[in-house]
């Protein structure tokens, strides 16, 4: 299983249920990496998607404690056991955890690769990603070249569980 996230220089990922950054090139990379794959998210992350609809050409899975939650075009799981049962149908390398903070933390131990976009900015945040640089069982395996989009500087990183 993989995770994919954009973080601030302080590992912030969101504020008031909104992404901190909307970098066109990063969103295109997200689309390229997750297209025709499985995306796992929490209900708040789902509600923040464009038009509140499932991401097209992906299997959308929402993990929620709300047992009455039903979303057209989405598989809703109410427990980790239910999620694990569904994910057995897919290759683990085709599964991407896409947020939010609680879901990242809940599924981090099941992930083997982390695709991180680090944005060189400090913005107010109320949700955070764990700092992969401080995790002893994760190794930085790729650091991309510095990039810039509309005065926002960022780099792509890939971490692997060692």
N, C-alpha and C. Protein backbone atom coordinates (compact mmCIF):
# COMPACT_ATOMS: atom_id res chain seq x y z
N UNK A 1 0.86 -1.17 0.00
CA UNK A 1 0.00 0.00 0.00
C UNK A 1 0.90 1.24 0.00
N UNK A 2 0.43 2.29 -0.65
CA UNK A 2 1.17 3.55 -0.77
C UNK A 2 0.39 4.65 -0.07
N UNK A 3 1.09 5.72 0.22
CA UNK A 3 0.37 6.94 0.60
C UNK A 3 0.93 8.07 -0.23
N UNK A 4 0.08 9.06 -0.44
CA UNK A 4 0.47 10.21 -1.25
C UNK A 4 -0.09 11.45 -0.58
N UNK A 5 0.78 12.48 -0.45
CA UNK A 5 0.37 13.67 0.29
C UNK A 5 1.28 14.84 -0.09
N UNK A 6 0.72 16.04 -0.01
CA UNK A 6 1.50 17.27 -0.13
C UNK A 6 1.56 17.90 1.25
N UNK A 7 2.77 18.29 1.66
CA UNK A 7 2.97 18.84 3.01
C UNK A 7 3.68 20.18 2.93
N UNK A 8 3.46 20.98 3.96
CA UNK A 8 4.21 22.23 4.10
C UNK A 8 5.58 21.90 4.68
N UNK A 9 6.42 22.90 4.83
CA UNK A 9 7.75 22.67 5.39
C UNK A 9 7.66 22.19 6.84
N UNK A 10 6.51 22.39 7.47
CA UNK A 10 6.30 21.91 8.84
C UNK A 10 5.42 20.67 8.87
N UNK A 11 5.26 20.00 7.73
CA UNK A 11 4.49 18.77 7.56
C UNK A 11 2.99 18.97 7.75
N UNK A 12 2.52 20.22 7.60
CA UNK A 12 1.08 20.49 7.61
C UNK A 12 0.46 19.99 6.32
N UNK A 13 -0.79 19.47 6.44
CA UNK A 13 -1.46 18.97 5.22
C UNK A 13 -2.79 19.65 4.95
N UNK A 14 -3.36 20.31 5.95
CA UNK A 14 -4.65 20.92 5.71
C UNK A 14 -5.01 21.95 6.76
N UNK A 15 -6.03 22.72 6.43
CA UNK A 15 -6.54 23.73 7.34
C UNK A 15 -8.04 23.88 7.07
N UNK A 16 -8.83 23.67 8.11
CA UNK A 16 -10.30 23.77 8.01
C UNK A 16 -10.85 22.91 6.87
N UNK A 17 -10.37 21.67 6.83
CA UNK A 17 -10.80 20.67 5.85
C UNK A 17 -10.53 21.08 4.39
N UNK A 18 -9.50 21.85 4.20
CA UNK A 18 -9.07 22.23 2.85
C UNK A 18 -7.58 21.92 2.71
N UNK A 19 -7.16 21.56 1.51
CA UNK A 19 -5.74 21.39 1.24
C UNK A 19 -5.02 22.71 1.44
N UNK A 20 -3.77 22.64 1.86
CA UNK A 20 -2.98 23.87 2.00
C UNK A 20 -2.54 24.40 0.64
N UNK A 21 -2.39 23.50 -0.32
CA UNK A 21 -1.85 23.88 -1.63
C UNK A 21 -2.66 23.23 -2.74
N UNK A 22 -2.82 23.96 -3.82
CA UNK A 22 -3.39 23.40 -5.05
C UNK A 22 -2.43 23.76 -6.17
N UNK A 23 -1.43 22.92 -6.31
CA UNK A 23 -0.41 23.12 -7.32
C UNK A 23 -0.80 22.27 -8.53
N UNK A 24 -1.06 22.92 -9.64
CA UNK A 24 -1.58 22.23 -10.81
C UNK A 24 -0.72 21.03 -11.20
N UNK A 25 0.60 21.21 -11.23
CA UNK A 25 1.49 20.11 -11.63
C UNK A 25 1.46 18.96 -10.62
N UNK A 26 1.32 19.30 -9.35
CA UNK A 26 1.26 18.26 -8.33
C UNK A 26 -0.06 17.49 -8.42
N UNK A 27 -1.15 18.20 -8.70
CA UNK A 27 -2.43 17.52 -8.88
C UNK A 27 -2.40 16.61 -10.11
N UNK A 28 -1.68 17.04 -11.16
CA UNK A 28 -1.52 16.19 -12.33
C UNK A 28 -0.70 14.94 -12.00
N UNK A 29 0.33 15.11 -11.16
CA UNK A 29 1.13 13.96 -10.73
C UNK A 29 0.27 13.00 -9.90
N UNK A 30 -0.52 13.56 -9.00
CA UNK A 30 -1.43 12.75 -8.18
C UNK A 30 -2.35 11.94 -9.10
N UNK A 31 -2.91 12.60 -10.08
CA UNK A 31 -3.81 11.91 -11.02
C UNK A 31 -3.07 10.80 -11.75
N UNK A 32 -1.87 11.09 -12.25
CA UNK A 32 -1.09 10.10 -13.00
C UNK A 32 -0.77 8.88 -12.12
N UNK A 33 -0.39 9.11 -10.88
CA UNK A 33 -0.02 8.00 -9.99
C UNK A 33 -1.22 7.17 -9.55
N UNK A 34 -2.39 7.79 -9.43
CA UNK A 34 -3.55 7.09 -8.87
C UNK A 34 -4.57 6.63 -9.91
N UNK A 35 -4.44 7.06 -11.14
CA UNK A 35 -5.40 6.70 -12.18
C UNK A 35 -5.45 5.18 -12.36
N UNK A 36 -6.65 4.66 -12.43
CA UNK A 36 -6.90 3.22 -12.56
C UNK A 36 -6.39 2.42 -11.36
N UNK A 37 -6.29 3.08 -10.21
CA UNK A 37 -5.85 2.44 -8.98
C UNK A 37 -6.97 2.55 -7.95
N UNK A 38 -6.64 2.22 -6.71
CA UNK A 38 -7.58 2.29 -5.60
C UNK A 38 -7.15 3.43 -4.69
N UNK A 39 -8.10 4.32 -4.33
CA UNK A 39 -7.79 5.40 -3.40
C UNK A 39 -8.62 5.20 -2.13
N UNK A 40 -7.94 5.29 -0.99
CA UNK A 40 -8.58 5.11 0.31
C UNK A 40 -8.51 6.43 1.04
N UNK A 41 -9.65 6.86 1.58
CA UNK A 41 -9.70 8.17 2.25
C UNK A 41 -10.74 8.15 3.36
N UNK A 42 -10.68 9.17 4.19
CA UNK A 42 -11.71 9.38 5.19
C UNK A 42 -12.87 10.16 4.59
N UNK A 43 -13.95 10.25 5.34
CA UNK A 43 -15.16 10.92 4.85
C UNK A 43 -14.91 12.40 4.60
N UNK A 44 -14.18 13.07 5.50
CA UNK A 44 -13.91 14.50 5.29
C UNK A 44 -13.10 14.74 4.02
N UNK A 45 -12.14 13.87 3.76
CA UNK A 45 -11.36 14.01 2.52
C UNK A 45 -12.28 13.82 1.32
N UNK A 46 -13.16 12.83 1.39
CA UNK A 46 -14.10 12.63 0.29
C UNK A 46 -14.94 13.88 0.06
N UNK A 47 -15.45 14.48 1.15
CA UNK A 47 -16.31 15.66 1.01
C UNK A 47 -15.54 16.84 0.42
N UNK A 48 -14.21 16.83 0.52
CA UNK A 48 -13.42 17.94 -0.01
C UNK A 48 -13.06 17.76 -1.49
N UNK A 49 -13.41 16.59 -2.07
CA UNK A 49 -13.11 16.36 -3.49
C UNK A 49 -13.95 17.30 -4.37
N UNK A 50 -13.46 17.59 -5.57
CA UNK A 50 -14.23 18.46 -6.47
C UNK A 50 -15.66 17.95 -6.66
N UNK A 51 -16.60 18.81 -6.44
CA UNK A 51 -18.03 18.52 -6.58
C UNK A 51 -18.51 17.44 -5.62
N UNK A 52 -17.69 17.05 -4.65
CA UNK A 52 -18.08 16.02 -3.69
C UNK A 52 -18.38 14.69 -4.35
N UNK A 53 -17.70 14.41 -5.46
CA UNK A 53 -17.94 13.18 -6.22
C UNK A 53 -16.69 12.31 -6.18
N UNK A 54 -16.87 10.99 -6.40
CA UNK A 54 -15.71 10.10 -6.43
C UNK A 54 -14.72 10.51 -7.51
N UNK A 55 -13.44 10.23 -7.26
CA UNK A 55 -12.43 10.51 -8.27
C UNK A 55 -12.65 9.57 -9.45
N UNK A 56 -12.74 10.10 -10.65
CA UNK A 56 -13.02 9.25 -11.81
C UNK A 56 -11.88 8.29 -12.13
N UNK A 57 -12.27 7.15 -12.71
CA UNK A 57 -11.33 6.12 -13.16
C UNK A 57 -10.44 5.60 -12.04
N UNK A 58 -11.03 5.56 -10.83
CA UNK A 58 -10.37 4.98 -9.67
C UNK A 58 -11.41 4.26 -8.82
N UNK A 59 -10.99 3.26 -8.09
CA UNK A 59 -11.86 2.65 -7.09
C UNK A 59 -11.76 3.54 -5.85
N UNK A 60 -12.86 4.14 -5.45
CA UNK A 60 -12.88 5.04 -4.30
C UNK A 60 -13.41 4.29 -3.09
N UNK A 61 -12.62 4.29 -2.02
CA UNK A 61 -13.02 3.65 -0.77
C UNK A 61 -12.96 4.70 0.33
N UNK A 62 -14.05 4.83 1.06
CA UNK A 62 -14.11 5.76 2.19
C UNK A 62 -14.19 4.95 3.47
N UNK A 63 -13.30 5.25 4.38
CA UNK A 63 -13.30 4.63 5.71
C UNK A 63 -14.01 5.58 6.66
N UNK A 64 -15.11 5.10 7.26
CA UNK A 64 -15.93 5.94 8.13
C UNK A 64 -16.56 5.09 9.22
N UNK A 65 -16.71 5.67 10.39
CA UNK A 65 -17.39 4.98 11.49
C UNK A 65 -18.91 5.06 11.34
N UNK A 66 -19.38 5.91 10.45
CA UNK A 66 -20.83 6.10 10.24
C UNK A 66 -21.38 4.90 9.47
N UNK A 67 -22.03 3.97 10.19
CA UNK A 67 -22.52 2.73 9.56
C UNK A 67 -23.68 2.99 8.59
N UNK A 68 -24.30 4.15 8.65
CA UNK A 68 -25.40 4.46 7.74
C UNK A 68 -24.91 5.18 6.48
N UNK A 69 -23.63 5.51 6.42
CA UNK A 69 -23.10 6.27 5.29
C UNK A 69 -23.15 5.44 4.00
N UNK A 70 -23.76 6.02 2.99
CA UNK A 70 -23.79 5.43 1.66
C UNK A 70 -23.49 6.54 0.66
N UNK A 71 -22.55 6.27 -0.24
CA UNK A 71 -22.15 7.25 -1.24
C UNK A 71 -22.16 6.55 -2.59
N UNK A 72 -22.97 7.04 -3.54
CA UNK A 72 -23.00 6.41 -4.87
C UNK A 72 -21.61 6.38 -5.50
N UNK A 73 -21.23 5.22 -6.02
CA UNK A 73 -19.94 5.08 -6.69
C UNK A 73 -18.76 4.90 -5.76
N UNK A 74 -19.04 4.73 -4.46
CA UNK A 74 -17.98 4.62 -3.47
C UNK A 74 -18.23 3.39 -2.61
N UNK A 75 -17.17 2.67 -2.28
CA UNK A 75 -17.26 1.59 -1.30
C UNK A 75 -16.98 2.20 0.06
N UNK A 76 -17.92 2.04 0.98
CA UNK A 76 -17.76 2.58 2.33
C UNK A 76 -17.42 1.42 3.26
N UNK A 77 -16.34 1.59 4.02
CA UNK A 77 -15.92 0.58 5.01
C UNK A 77 -16.05 1.19 6.39
N UNK A 78 -16.60 0.41 7.32
CA UNK A 78 -16.79 0.91 8.67
C UNK A 78 -15.78 0.39 9.67
N UNK A 79 -14.82 -0.40 9.19
CA UNK A 79 -13.79 -0.92 10.09
C UNK A 79 -12.54 -1.26 9.30
N UNK A 80 -11.43 -1.39 10.01
CA UNK A 80 -10.19 -1.80 9.35
C UNK A 80 -10.31 -3.22 8.80
N UNK A 81 -11.02 -4.08 9.52
CA UNK A 81 -11.21 -5.45 9.03
C UNK A 81 -11.95 -5.46 7.70
N UNK A 82 -13.01 -4.65 7.61
CA UNK A 82 -13.77 -4.57 6.36
C UNK A 82 -12.89 -4.03 5.24
N UNK A 83 -12.08 -3.02 5.56
CA UNK A 83 -11.18 -2.44 4.56
C UNK A 83 -10.18 -3.50 4.09
N UNK A 84 -9.57 -4.21 5.03
CA UNK A 84 -8.59 -5.23 4.66
C UNK A 84 -9.21 -6.32 3.80
N UNK A 85 -10.45 -6.70 4.09
CA UNK A 85 -11.13 -7.70 3.27
C UNK A 85 -11.31 -7.22 1.84
N UNK A 86 -11.72 -5.99 1.67
CA UNK A 86 -11.92 -5.43 0.33
C UNK A 86 -10.59 -5.30 -0.41
N UNK A 87 -9.56 -4.84 0.31
CA UNK A 87 -8.26 -4.61 -0.34
C UNK A 87 -7.58 -5.90 -0.77
N UNK A 88 -8.01 -7.04 -0.26
CA UNK A 88 -7.44 -8.32 -0.69
C UNK A 88 -7.70 -8.57 -2.18
N UNK A 89 -8.70 -7.90 -2.72
CA UNK A 89 -9.04 -8.07 -4.14
C UNK A 89 -8.05 -7.34 -5.06
N UNK A 90 -7.19 -6.48 -4.48
CA UNK A 90 -6.32 -5.62 -5.28
C UNK A 90 -4.86 -5.86 -4.95
N UNK A 91 -4.00 -5.56 -5.90
CA UNK A 91 -2.57 -5.58 -5.68
C UNK A 91 -2.24 -4.42 -4.72
N UNK A 92 -1.49 -4.69 -3.67
CA UNK A 92 -1.18 -3.67 -2.66
C UNK A 92 -0.49 -2.46 -3.29
N UNK A 93 0.28 -2.66 -4.36
CA UNK A 93 0.96 -1.53 -5.01
C UNK A 93 0.01 -0.63 -5.79
N UNK A 94 -1.24 -1.08 -5.95
CA UNK A 94 -2.25 -0.28 -6.64
C UNK A 94 -3.16 0.48 -5.68
N UNK A 95 -2.84 0.44 -4.39
CA UNK A 95 -3.67 1.10 -3.38
C UNK A 95 -2.94 2.32 -2.86
N UNK A 96 -3.64 3.47 -2.86
CA UNK A 96 -3.08 4.73 -2.39
C UNK A 96 -3.96 5.31 -1.28
N UNK A 97 -3.36 5.57 -0.14
CA UNK A 97 -4.03 6.27 0.95
C UNK A 97 -3.88 7.75 0.65
N UNK A 98 -5.02 8.49 0.60
CA UNK A 98 -4.95 9.89 0.17
C UNK A 98 -5.44 10.87 1.24
N UNK A 99 -5.67 10.41 2.46
CA UNK A 99 -5.99 11.34 3.54
C UNK A 99 -7.30 11.05 4.21
N UNK A 100 -7.55 11.79 5.21
CA UNK A 100 -6.79 12.82 5.87
C UNK A 100 -5.89 12.28 6.98
N UNK A 101 -5.59 13.18 7.89
CA UNK A 101 -4.62 12.91 8.95
C UNK A 101 -4.91 11.61 9.70
N UNK A 102 -6.15 11.41 10.13
CA UNK A 102 -6.50 10.21 10.89
C UNK A 102 -6.30 8.94 10.06
N UNK A 103 -6.67 9.00 8.81
CA UNK A 103 -6.55 7.83 7.93
C UNK A 103 -5.08 7.53 7.65
N UNK A 104 -4.27 8.59 7.40
CA UNK A 104 -2.83 8.38 7.23
C UNK A 104 -2.25 7.68 8.46
N UNK A 105 -2.57 8.19 9.63
CA UNK A 105 -2.03 7.60 10.87
C UNK A 105 -2.51 6.17 11.08
N UNK A 106 -3.76 5.93 10.76
CA UNK A 106 -4.35 4.61 10.94
C UNK A 106 -3.72 3.56 10.02
N UNK A 107 -3.37 3.97 8.79
CA UNK A 107 -2.90 3.02 7.78
C UNK A 107 -1.39 3.08 7.52
N UNK A 108 -0.69 3.97 8.19
CA UNK A 108 0.74 4.15 7.96
C UNK A 108 1.51 2.83 8.08
N UNK A 109 1.20 2.03 9.09
CA UNK A 109 1.92 0.77 9.30
C UNK A 109 1.68 -0.24 8.19
N UNK A 110 0.65 -0.04 7.39
CA UNK A 110 0.34 -0.95 6.29
C UNK A 110 0.96 -0.47 4.96
N UNK A 111 1.54 0.72 4.98
CA UNK A 111 2.11 1.30 3.76
C UNK A 111 3.59 0.94 3.63
N UNK A 112 4.02 0.79 2.37
CA UNK A 112 5.43 0.50 2.11
C UNK A 112 6.12 1.62 1.33
N UNK A 113 5.34 2.49 0.70
CA UNK A 113 5.89 3.60 -0.08
C UNK A 113 5.09 4.86 0.21
N UNK A 114 5.82 5.97 0.34
CA UNK A 114 5.17 7.27 0.58
C UNK A 114 5.65 8.26 -0.48
N UNK A 115 4.70 8.80 -1.23
CA UNK A 115 4.97 9.83 -2.23
C UNK A 115 4.64 11.18 -1.58
N UNK A 116 5.68 11.96 -1.31
CA UNK A 116 5.52 13.20 -0.57
C UNK A 116 5.90 14.37 -1.47
N UNK A 117 5.03 15.36 -1.54
CA UNK A 117 5.38 16.63 -2.16
C UNK A 117 5.62 17.60 -1.02
N UNK A 118 6.85 18.06 -0.89
CA UNK A 118 7.19 19.02 0.17
C UNK A 118 7.21 20.42 -0.44
N UNK A 119 6.34 21.27 0.10
CA UNK A 119 6.23 22.64 -0.38
C UNK A 119 7.02 23.53 0.57
N UNK A 120 7.84 24.37 0.00
CA UNK A 120 8.70 25.26 0.79
C UNK A 120 7.88 26.47 1.25
N UNK A 121 7.01 26.22 2.23
CA UNK A 121 6.14 27.28 2.75
C UNK A 121 5.65 26.91 4.13
N UNK A 122 5.47 27.92 4.95
CA UNK A 122 4.88 27.73 6.28
C UNK A 122 3.52 28.40 6.26
N UNK A 123 2.48 27.59 6.39
CA UNK A 123 1.11 28.11 6.39
C UNK A 123 0.39 27.59 7.63
N UNK A 124 -0.63 28.31 8.08
CA UNK A 124 -1.42 27.77 9.19
C UNK A 124 -2.00 26.41 8.80
N UNK A 125 -1.90 25.45 9.72
CA UNK A 125 -2.43 24.11 9.47
C UNK A 125 -3.04 23.57 10.75
N UNK A 126 -4.08 22.77 10.60
CA UNK A 126 -4.67 22.11 11.77
C UNK A 126 -4.63 20.59 11.63
N UNK A 127 -4.08 20.11 10.51
CA UNK A 127 -3.85 18.68 10.33
C UNK A 127 -2.43 18.49 9.79
N UNK A 128 -1.81 17.41 10.24
CA UNK A 128 -0.39 17.20 9.93
C UNK A 128 -0.11 15.76 9.53
N UNK A 129 0.93 15.60 8.73
CA UNK A 129 1.48 14.30 8.38
C UNK A 129 2.64 14.05 9.30
N UNK A 130 2.86 12.80 9.67
CA UNK A 130 4.03 12.46 10.46
C UNK A 130 5.28 12.83 9.64
N UNK A 131 6.31 13.28 10.31
CA UNK A 131 7.55 13.67 9.64
C UNK A 131 8.34 12.41 9.29
N UNK A 132 8.38 12.06 8.03
CA UNK A 132 9.05 10.85 7.58
C UNK A 132 10.55 10.91 7.83
N UNK A 133 11.12 12.11 7.91
CA UNK A 133 12.55 12.23 8.18
C UNK A 133 12.90 11.73 9.58
N UNK A 134 11.91 11.66 10.46
CA UNK A 134 12.15 11.22 11.84
C UNK A 134 11.70 9.78 12.09
N UNK A 135 11.27 9.07 11.06
CA UNK A 135 10.81 7.70 11.24
C UNK A 135 11.95 6.73 10.94
N UNK A 136 12.41 5.98 11.94
CA UNK A 136 13.58 5.13 11.73
C UNK A 136 13.37 3.99 10.74
N UNK A 137 12.13 3.56 10.54
CA UNK A 137 11.90 2.44 9.61
C UNK A 137 11.55 2.90 8.20
N UNK A 138 11.73 4.18 7.91
CA UNK A 138 11.50 4.71 6.57
C UNK A 138 12.79 5.33 6.04
N UNK A 139 13.05 5.13 4.74
CA UNK A 139 14.26 5.63 4.12
C UNK A 139 13.89 6.49 2.91
N UNK A 140 14.52 7.64 2.81
CA UNK A 140 14.34 8.49 1.63
C UNK A 140 15.04 7.81 0.46
N UNK A 141 14.28 7.48 -0.60
CA UNK A 141 14.87 6.79 -1.75
C UNK A 141 14.92 7.66 -3.00
N UNK A 142 14.20 8.79 -3.00
CA UNK A 142 14.23 9.67 -4.16
C UNK A 142 13.93 11.10 -3.72
N UNK A 143 14.78 12.01 -4.15
CA UNK A 143 14.54 13.44 -3.93
C UNK A 143 14.59 14.11 -5.29
N UNK A 144 13.46 14.69 -5.67
CA UNK A 144 13.38 15.33 -6.98
C UNK A 144 14.07 16.68 -7.02
N UNK A 145 14.17 17.19 -8.20
CA UNK A 145 14.76 18.51 -8.41
C UNK A 145 13.79 19.58 -7.91
N UNK A 146 14.32 20.72 -7.47
CA UNK A 146 13.43 21.81 -7.06
C UNK A 146 12.54 22.24 -8.22
N UNK A 147 11.28 22.49 -7.90
CA UNK A 147 10.32 22.91 -8.92
C UNK A 147 9.62 24.18 -8.42
N UNK A 148 9.00 24.89 -9.36
CA UNK A 148 8.30 26.11 -9.00
C UNK A 148 7.03 26.22 -9.84
N UNK A 149 5.95 26.64 -9.18
CA UNK A 149 4.69 26.86 -9.87
C UNK A 149 4.01 28.05 -9.21
N UNK A 150 3.77 29.09 -9.97
CA UNK A 150 3.10 30.28 -9.46
C UNK A 150 3.69 30.73 -8.13
N UNK A 151 5.00 30.91 -8.09
CA UNK A 151 5.74 31.37 -6.91
C UNK A 151 5.71 30.40 -5.73
N UNK A 152 5.34 29.15 -5.97
CA UNK A 152 5.39 28.13 -4.93
C UNK A 152 6.53 27.17 -5.28
N UNK A 153 7.49 27.04 -4.36
CA UNK A 153 8.61 26.12 -4.57
C UNK A 153 8.31 24.80 -3.88
N UNK A 154 8.65 23.70 -4.56
CA UNK A 154 8.37 22.39 -3.99
C UNK A 154 9.31 21.36 -4.60
N UNK A 155 9.34 20.17 -3.95
CA UNK A 155 10.11 19.02 -4.44
C UNK A 155 9.30 17.76 -4.19
N UNK A 156 9.53 16.78 -5.03
CA UNK A 156 8.94 15.46 -4.84
C UNK A 156 9.94 14.56 -4.11
N UNK A 157 9.42 13.78 -3.18
CA UNK A 157 10.23 12.81 -2.43
C UNK A 157 9.51 11.48 -2.43
N UNK A 158 10.28 10.42 -2.39
CA UNK A 158 9.71 9.08 -2.20
C UNK A 158 10.45 8.44 -1.03
N UNK A 159 9.67 7.94 -0.10
CA UNK A 159 10.20 7.21 1.06
C UNK A 159 9.73 5.76 0.96
N UNK A 160 10.60 4.85 1.37
CA UNK A 160 10.25 3.42 1.39
C UNK A 160 10.47 2.90 2.80
N UNK A 161 9.58 1.99 3.18
CA UNK A 161 9.75 1.33 4.48
C UNK A 161 10.96 0.40 4.35
N UNK A 162 11.88 0.52 5.30
CA UNK A 162 13.10 -0.31 5.22
C UNK A 162 12.97 -1.58 6.04
